[in-house]
Amino acid sequence: MDLGRYIHQLLKHRNEVYVKGLGVFKRIHTPSVYDDRRGVYLPPVTYLEFDGKSTDGVDFIDYIQQSKQISRQSAEAEVHDVVLNLLETIKENGSVTLNHLGQLIKHGSSLVFKAEDLSGFQLQPIEGAASPVSEPEIKPEPEIEVEEEQPQAEEPEERVEEPVVAVAEQEIVPEIYEEPQAAGKSKWYIWAAVVAIVVIAGLFYLNHTNSSRRAQERADSILNAGIAEPDTTVAKAVDTSSTVTTPIVDSTANTNTETGKKVYNPLIPANHTYQIVIGTHATLAQAYEQAESFNKAGIESVRVIPSNLAHNKKKVIWDSYETKEQADSALKYVRKHYVADAWHQKINK
């Protein structure tokens, strides 16, 4: 099993992947920022980190179990064997290379991760001035004129003698105010508040349950995504200069523990007769690196076509087509916008 390739595929969908017995691989993304000193916009950067003490992230064993459709015990045993062989290789050689990830180097009693540089886009800083921040205009408040009050001339008061009228004394009866009985209203207010609290709690519970169900379905759909395993005949000739030997898992041993059939998507559909070639490489790693750069740019149709023999060139194609007319039309677009020396080729059945 190619441990590095499986982890790399899973990191495309999740930020952290936990491998039991090894550690956690993390994908870190730094957005574009403006450098005031240089006066340029720095490009966004995505890189990998490794934490040998952490246990957070997606369980790699669950992912292998879902993708290969095997039991939990079989998946755990397979991952345990691969990690054990990896640690033995590090103990003997001091380091090991994980495809599409980087190198794990022994440093005392711990491991140091050296990420592989896959900056295929060759992004460069962009010159430009920072966007000015508009300050709100402060409008002066209009002055309000205060009219001064003019003193009025005092008029002499005329004293009027009121006639004295004899009034019979009336018995003053104090008024008795009865307070309204608010006990009934207060009970209604209490019941209304209780009903409102129950309704709000029910809505919150339903919303939380639906959110949890959608998150679980999204996680299951990602874990159920299958990964096409690389051809073992090509994998033997991928990296002949490396001193690290990757253990080869016997495919016949896993067939006894599989509970379902594996689903493989063909690289070339049966009814396609032409393909557009955008590059050829001596090693499969170089071919995957070119295809990976296009995939990250959003062009998912670019893929690697392994060769039948180890010494043959590995092709990277833009896509395959049913007729030559479709291939000619697509070739004009590819040459104009992406690869000027691309060519179309008839597929040998």
Protein backbone atom coordinates (compact mmCIF):
# COMPACT_ATOMS: atom_id res chain seq x y z
CA MET A 1 0.00 0.00 0.00
CA ASP A 2 1.32 3.45 -1.00
CA LEU A 3 0.86 5.20 2.36
CA GLY A 4 1.91 8.64 1.11
CA ARG A 5 -0.51 8.63 -1.81
CA TYR A 6 -3.50 7.60 0.33
CA ILE A 7 -2.73 10.34 2.89
CA HIS A 8 -2.26 12.88 0.08
CA GLN A 9 -5.66 12.02 -1.42
CA LEU A 10 -7.38 12.33 1.97
CA LEU A 11 -5.69 15.70 2.70
CA LYS A 12 -7.45 17.12 -0.37
CA HIS A 13 -10.74 16.90 1.57
CA ARG A 14 -9.63 17.16 5.21
CA ASN A 15 -7.09 19.41 6.95
CA GLU A 16 -5.79 16.78 9.42
CA VAL A 17 -5.23 13.00 9.02
CA TYR A 18 -4.28 10.79 11.99
CA VAL A 19 -2.21 7.64 11.27
CA LYS A 20 -2.09 5.32 14.29
CA GLY A 21 1.48 4.61 15.38
CA LEU A 22 2.91 7.50 13.33
CA GLY A 23 1.20 10.86 14.01
CA VAL A 24 -0.94 13.57 12.39
CA PHE A 25 -0.36 15.14 8.94
CA LYS A 26 -1.78 18.67 8.63
CA ARG A 27 -2.51 20.85 5.58
CA ILE A 28 -1.89 24.56 6.35
CA HIS A 29 -3.12 27.35 4.03
CA THR A 30 -1.88 30.94 4.26
CA PRO A 31 -3.93 33.47 2.25
CA SER A 32 -2.48 36.26 0.15
CA VAL A 33 -1.28 39.30 2.13
CA TYR A 34 0.09 42.74 1.25
CA ASP A 35 3.76 43.50 2.07
CA ASP A 36 4.02 47.21 2.95
CA ARG A 37 7.84 47.22 2.89
CA ARG A 38 8.14 45.76 -0.63
CA GLY A 39 4.87 47.16 -1.93
CA VAL A 40 3.68 43.83 -3.39
CA TYR A 41 0.94 41.26 -2.80
CA LEU A 42 2.44 37.96 -1.65
CA PRO A 43 0.83 34.86 -3.22
CA PRO A 44 -1.14 32.36 -1.10
CA VAL A 45 0.86 29.39 0.23
CA THR A 46 -0.29 25.84 1.07
CA TYR A 47 2.12 23.51 2.87
CA LEU A 48 2.16 20.34 5.00
CA GLU A 49 3.14 19.79 8.64
CA PHE A 50 3.61 16.67 10.78
CA ASP A 51 2.90 16.29 14.52
CA GLY A 52 4.03 12.98 15.98
CA LYS A 53 2.35 13.56 19.37
CA SER A 54 -1.13 14.65 18.27
CA THR A 55 -4.11 12.29 17.77
CA ASP A 56 -6.58 14.75 16.23
CA GLY A 57 -7.96 14.53 12.70
CA VAL A 58 -9.66 11.91 10.52
CA ASP A 59 -8.80 8.32 11.45
CA PHE A 60 -6.78 6.87 8.55
CA ILE A 61 -7.88 3.32 9.46
CA ASP A 62 -11.55 4.25 8.97
CA TYR A 63 -10.70 5.74 5.58
CA ILE A 64 -8.88 2.56 4.44
CA GLN A 65 -11.80 0.44 5.68
CA GLN A 66 -14.33 2.51 3.71
CA SER A 67 -12.26 2.83 0.52
CA LYS A 68 -11.23 -0.85 0.32
CA GLN A 69 -14.52 -2.17 1.76
CA ILE A 70 -12.84 -4.45 4.29
CA SER A 71 -13.40 -5.09 7.98
CA ARG A 72 -12.09 -2.80 10.70
CA GLN A 73 -9.71 -5.48 11.98
CA SER A 74 -8.24 -6.09 8.51
CA ALA A 75 -7.78 -2.37 7.86
CA GLU A 76 -6.08 -1.87 11.24
CA ALA A 77 -3.74 -4.81 10.61
CA GLU A 78 -2.81 -3.53 7.14
CA VAL A 79 -2.05 -0.01 8.40
CA HIS A 80 -0.10 -1.45 11.35
CA ASP A 81 2.13 -3.51 9.02
CA VAL A 82 2.81 -0.54 6.72
CA VAL A 83 3.68 1.78 9.65
CA LEU A 84 5.89 -0.91 11.23
CA ASN A 85 7.86 -1.39 7.99
CA LEU A 86 8.13 2.39 7.64
CA LEU A 87 9.61 2.77 11.12
CA GLU A 88 12.04 -0.11 10.48
CA THR A 89 13.23 1.63 7.31
CA ILE A 90 13.75 4.90 9.22
CA LYS A 91 15.68 3.01 11.91
CA GLU A 92 18.00 1.43 9.33
CA ASN A 93 18.46 4.31 6.86
CA GLY A 94 17.70 7.35 9.02
CA SER A 95 14.91 8.61 6.72
CA VAL A 96 12.09 7.49 4.45
CA THR A 97 10.23 9.16 1.57
CA LEU A 98 6.43 9.32 1.42
CA ASN A 99 5.16 9.87 -2.12
CA HIS A 100 3.43 13.26 -2.69
CA LEU A 101 4.16 14.29 0.95
CA GLY A 102 7.88 14.50 1.71
CA GLN A 103 10.49 12.85 3.94
CA LEU A 104 10.40 11.62 7.54
CA ILE A 105 13.88 12.02 9.07
CA LYS A 106 15.01 10.50 12.38
CA HIS A 107 16.14 13.12 14.90
CA GLY A 108 17.04 11.52 18.21
CA SER A 109 13.94 9.80 19.58
CA SER A 110 11.53 11.83 17.41
CA LEU A 111 10.76 12.28 13.71
CA VAL A 112 11.21 15.46 11.68
CA PHE A 113 9.04 15.97 8.58
CA LYS A 114 10.50 17.67 5.50
CA ALA A 115 7.63 18.57 3.16
CA GLU A 116 7.93 18.00 -0.56
CA ASP A 117 7.90 21.19 -2.67
CA LEU A 118 4.98 20.94 -5.12
CA SER A 119 4.71 24.62 -6.07
CA GLY A 120 3.78 23.88 -9.68
CA PHE A 121 2.07 27.18 -10.32
CA GLN A 122 5.24 29.27 -9.91
CA LEU A 123 3.25 32.06 -8.31
CA GLN A 124 5.09 35.37 -8.08
CA PRO A 125 4.37 38.47 -5.95
CA ILE A 126 2.19 41.07 -7.67
CA GLU A 127 3.18 44.72 -7.48
CA GLY A 128 0.49 47.17 -6.49
CA ALA A 129 -0.45 49.77 -3.94
CA ALA A 130 -2.66 48.93 -1.03
CA SER A 131 -6.29 49.96 -1.36
CA PRO A 132 -6.80 53.28 0.44
CA VAL A 133 -9.24 53.19 3.31
CA SER A 134 -11.79 55.95 2.88
CA GLU A 135 -12.35 57.95 6.02
CA PRO A 136 -15.89 59.15 6.70
CA GLU A 137 -16.39 62.86 6.24
CA ILE A 138 -17.29 64.74 9.38
CA LYS A 139 -19.90 67.35 8.61
CA PRO A 140 -19.96 70.37 10.91
CA GLU A 141 -23.11 70.66 12.92
CA PRO A 142 -25.18 73.71 12.02
CA GLU A 143 -25.16 76.41 14.64
CA ILE A 144 -28.52 77.08 16.20
CA GLU A 145 -29.18 80.69 16.94
CA VAL A 146 -30.63 81.20 20.37
CA GLU A 147 -32.97 84.12 20.60
CA GLU A 148 -32.49 86.14 23.69
CA GLU A 149 -35.63 86.67 25.69
CA GLN A 150 -36.47 90.31 26.13
CA PRO A 151 -37.62 91.23 29.59
CA GLN A 152 -41.28 92.14 29.65
CA ALA A 153 -42.44 95.17 31.44
CA GLU A 154 -44.09 94.31 34.71
CA GLU A 155 -47.71 95.23 34.76
CA PRO A 156 -49.08 96.36 38.07
CA GLU A 157 -51.45 93.84 39.54
CA GLU A 158 -54.87 95.08 40.42
CA ARG A 159 -56.12 93.81 43.69
CA VAL A 160 -59.73 92.64 43.49
CA GLU A 161 -61.51 92.10 46.69
CA GLU A 162 -63.43 88.84 46.57
CA PRO A 163 -66.71 88.72 48.38
CA VAL A 164 -66.77 86.40 51.32
CA VAL A 165 -69.45 83.72 50.89
CA ALA A 166 -70.42 81.49 53.73
CA VAL A 167 -70.17 77.83 52.68
CA ALA A 168 -71.64 75.07 54.74
CA GLU A 169 -69.12 72.53 55.78
CA GLN A 170 -69.55 69.21 53.99
CA GLU A 171 -68.52 65.92 55.44
CA ILE A 172 -65.53 64.66 53.49
CA VAL A 173 -65.73 60.95 52.88
CA PRO A 174 -62.34 59.37 51.96
CA GLU A 175 -62.38 57.50 48.67
CA ILE A 176 -61.43 53.85 48.84
CA TYR A 177 -59.45 52.58 45.83
CA GLU A 178 -59.66 48.88 45.22
CA GLU A 179 -56.58 47.41 43.58
CA PRO A 180 -57.41 45.27 40.54
CA GLN A 181 -56.81 41.62 40.98
CA ALA A 182 -53.73 40.95 38.84
CA ALA A 183 -53.27 37.37 39.97
CA GLY A 184 -55.18 36.01 36.97
CA LYS A 185 -53.17 38.07 34.47
CA SER A 186 -49.85 37.13 36.04
CA LYS A 187 -50.70 33.45 35.65
CA TRP A 188 -51.38 33.93 31.95
CA TYR A 189 -48.05 35.72 31.54
CA ILE A 190 -46.21 32.86 33.25
CA TRP A 191 -47.89 30.23 31.05
CA ALA A 192 -47.12 32.25 27.89
CA ALA A 193 -43.43 32.52 28.89
CA VAL A 194 -43.23 28.76 29.56
CA VAL A 195 -44.79 27.92 26.17
CA ALA A 196 -42.40 30.31 24.38
CA ILE A 197 -39.38 28.72 26.09
CA VAL A 198 -40.55 25.21 25.11
CA VAL A 199 -41.07 26.25 21.46
CA ILE A 200 -37.63 27.90 21.27
CA ALA A 201 -35.95 24.85 22.84
CA GLY A 202 -37.73 22.54 20.35
CA LEU A 203 -36.63 24.62 17.36
CA PHE A 204 -33.05 24.72 18.62
CA TYR A 205 -33.02 20.93 19.12
CA LEU A 206 -34.39 20.27 15.61
CA ASN A 207 -31.87 22.67 14.04
CA HIS A 208 -28.98 21.07 15.96
CA THR A 209 -30.13 17.55 14.99
CA ASN A 210 -30.40 18.44 11.29
CA SER A 211 -26.97 20.11 11.33
CA SER A 212 -25.39 17.04 12.97
CA ARG A 213 -27.07 14.71 10.45
CA ARG A 214 -25.88 16.78 7.48
CA ALA A 215 -22.33 16.90 8.89
CA GLN A 216 -22.35 13.10 9.38
CA GLU A 217 -23.66 12.50 5.84
CA ARG A 218 -20.97 14.82 4.44
CA ALA A 219 -18.25 12.97 6.40
CA ASP A 220 -19.59 9.58 5.23
CA SER A 221 -19.66 10.71 1.60
CA ILE A 222 -16.01 11.79 1.83
CA LEU A 223 -14.95 8.56 3.54
CA ASN A 224 -16.86 6.48 0.99
CA ALA A 225 -15.01 8.13 -1.93
CA GLY A 226 -12.93 5.44 -3.59
CA ILE A 227 -9.29 5.83 -4.59
CA ALA A 228 -7.92 4.12 -7.65
CA GLU A 229 -4.87 2.14 -6.59
CA PRO A 230 -1.79 2.58 -8.81
CA ASP A 231 -0.71 -0.32 -11.02
CA THR A 232 1.80 -2.50 -9.19
CA THR A 233 3.80 -3.09 -12.37
CA VAL A 234 4.34 0.68 -12.69
CA ALA A 235 4.93 1.22 -8.99
CA LYS A 236 8.00 -1.01 -9.09
CA ALA A 237 9.73 1.36 -11.53
CA VAL A 238 8.64 4.70 -10.07
CA ASP A 239 11.78 5.64 -8.15
CA THR A 240 14.83 3.53 -8.93
CA SER A 241 17.26 6.02 -7.34
CA SER A 242 15.72 5.94 -3.87
CA THR A 243 17.27 3.72 -1.23
CA VAL A 244 13.94 3.29 0.58
CA THR A 245 11.96 0.18 -0.33
CA THR A 246 8.19 0.39 -0.01
CA PRO A 247 6.55 -2.87 1.11
CA ILE A 248 4.39 -4.50 -1.55
CA VAL A 249 1.07 -5.80 -0.27
CA ASP A 250 -0.04 -9.10 -1.79
CA SER A 251 -3.32 -8.42 -3.55
CA THR A 252 -4.36 -12.09 -3.31
CA ALA A 253 -4.17 -11.93 0.50
CA ASN A 254 -6.66 -9.08 0.68
CA THR A 255 -9.27 -10.72 -1.55
CA ASN A 256 -10.18 -13.17 1.22
CA THR A 257 -11.07 -10.34 3.63
CA GLU A 258 -12.93 -8.08 1.22
CA THR A 259 -16.68 -7.89 1.79
CA GLY A 260 -17.51 -6.25 -1.58
CA LYS A 261 -16.18 -5.70 -5.07
CA LYS A 262 -13.81 -2.81 -5.77
CA VAL A 263 -15.04 -0.19 -8.21
CA TYR A 264 -12.43 1.16 -10.64
CA ASN A 265 -13.07 4.01 -13.04
CA PRO A 266 -11.25 3.39 -16.34
CA LEU A 267 -8.64 5.97 -17.36
CA ILE A 268 -9.87 5.78 -20.98
CA PRO A 269 -13.57 4.98 -21.63
CA ALA A 270 -14.17 2.11 -24.05
CA ASN A 271 -15.84 4.29 -26.70
CA HIS A 272 -13.02 6.93 -26.82
CA THR A 273 -10.54 6.65 -29.70
CA TYR A 274 -8.42 9.84 -29.46
CA GLN A 275 -6.52 11.57 -26.68
CA ILE A 276 -4.62 14.89 -26.31
CA VAL A 277 -1.09 14.47 -24.90
CA ILE A 278 0.36 17.47 -23.01
CA GLY A 279 3.56 15.88 -21.71
CA THR A 280 5.70 12.74 -21.41
CA HIS A 281 8.04 11.89 -18.52
CA ALA A 282 10.66 9.29 -17.67
CA THR A 283 9.23 8.53 -14.22
CA LEU A 284 5.71 8.21 -12.94
CA ALA A 285 6.39 10.69 -10.13
CA GLN A 286 7.18 13.45 -12.64
CA ALA A 287 4.01 12.65 -14.57
CA TYR A 288 1.88 12.79 -11.43
CA GLU A 289 3.48 16.10 -10.45
CA GLN A 290 2.45 17.72 -13.76
CA ALA A 291 -1.07 16.29 -13.56
CA GLU A 292 -1.36 17.44 -9.94
CA SER A 293 -0.57 21.04 -10.89
CA PHE A 294 -3.46 21.10 -13.39
CA ASN A 295 -5.82 19.36 -10.94
CA LYS A 296 -5.12 22.01 -8.28
CA ALA A 297 -5.94 24.69 -10.86
CA GLY A 298 -9.41 23.16 -11.26
CA ILE A 299 -8.79 21.11 -14.45
CA GLU A 300 -9.89 17.66 -13.27
CA SER A 301 -9.73 16.00 -16.72
CA VAL A 302 -5.89 15.94 -16.76
CA ARG A 303 -4.59 12.49 -15.74
CA VAL A 304 -1.62 10.14 -16.05
CA ILE A 305 -1.59 7.19 -18.45
CA PRO A 306 0.93 4.57 -17.19
CA SER A 307 3.04 2.75 -19.76
CA ASN A 308 2.93 -1.00 -20.38
CA LEU A 309 6.71 -1.31 -19.94
CA ALA A 310 8.78 0.29 -17.18
CA HIS A 311 11.27 1.97 -19.54
CA ASN A 312 8.59 3.61 -21.72
CA LYS A 313 7.58 7.24 -21.29
CA LYS A 314 4.66 8.03 -18.99
CA LYS A 315 2.05 10.20 -20.71
CA VAL A 316 0.01 13.03 -19.21
CA ILE A 317 -3.17 13.64 -21.23
CA TRP A 318 -5.59 16.56 -21.25
CA ASP A 319 -8.60 14.29 -21.93
CA SER A 320 -9.89 11.55 -24.28
CA TYR A 321 -12.56 11.89 -26.98
CA GLU A 322 -14.83 9.70 -29.08
CA THR A 323 -14.08 11.25 -32.51
CA LYS A 324 -11.14 12.97 -34.18
CA GLU A 325 -13.27 16.12 -34.73
CA GLN A 326 -13.78 16.51 -30.98
CA ALA A 327 -10.06 16.01 -30.36
CA ASP A 328 -9.10 18.61 -33.02
CA SER A 329 -11.47 21.20 -31.54
CA ALA A 330 -10.16 20.65 -28.01
CA LEU A 331 -6.52 20.68 -29.21
CA LYS A 332 -6.88 24.24 -30.54
CA TYR A 333 -8.11 25.41 -27.13
CA VAL A 334 -5.32 23.61 -25.23
CA ARG A 335 -2.55 24.97 -27.48
CA LYS A 336 -3.88 28.51 -27.24
CA HIS A 337 -4.39 28.71 -23.48
CA TYR A 338 -2.22 26.05 -21.78
CA VAL A 339 0.35 23.87 -23.63
CA ALA A 340 1.58 25.15 -27.00
CA ASP A 341 3.26 21.87 -28.05
CA ALA A 342 0.36 19.55 -27.18
CA TRP A 343 -0.73 16.97 -29.79
CA HIS A 344 -3.56 14.50 -30.31
CA GLN A 345 -2.95 10.79 -30.66
CA LYS A 346 -5.04 7.79 -31.61
CA ILE A 347 -5.58 5.37 -28.76
CA ASN A 348 -4.30 1.84 -29.31
CA LYS A 349 -6.93 -0.62 -28.19
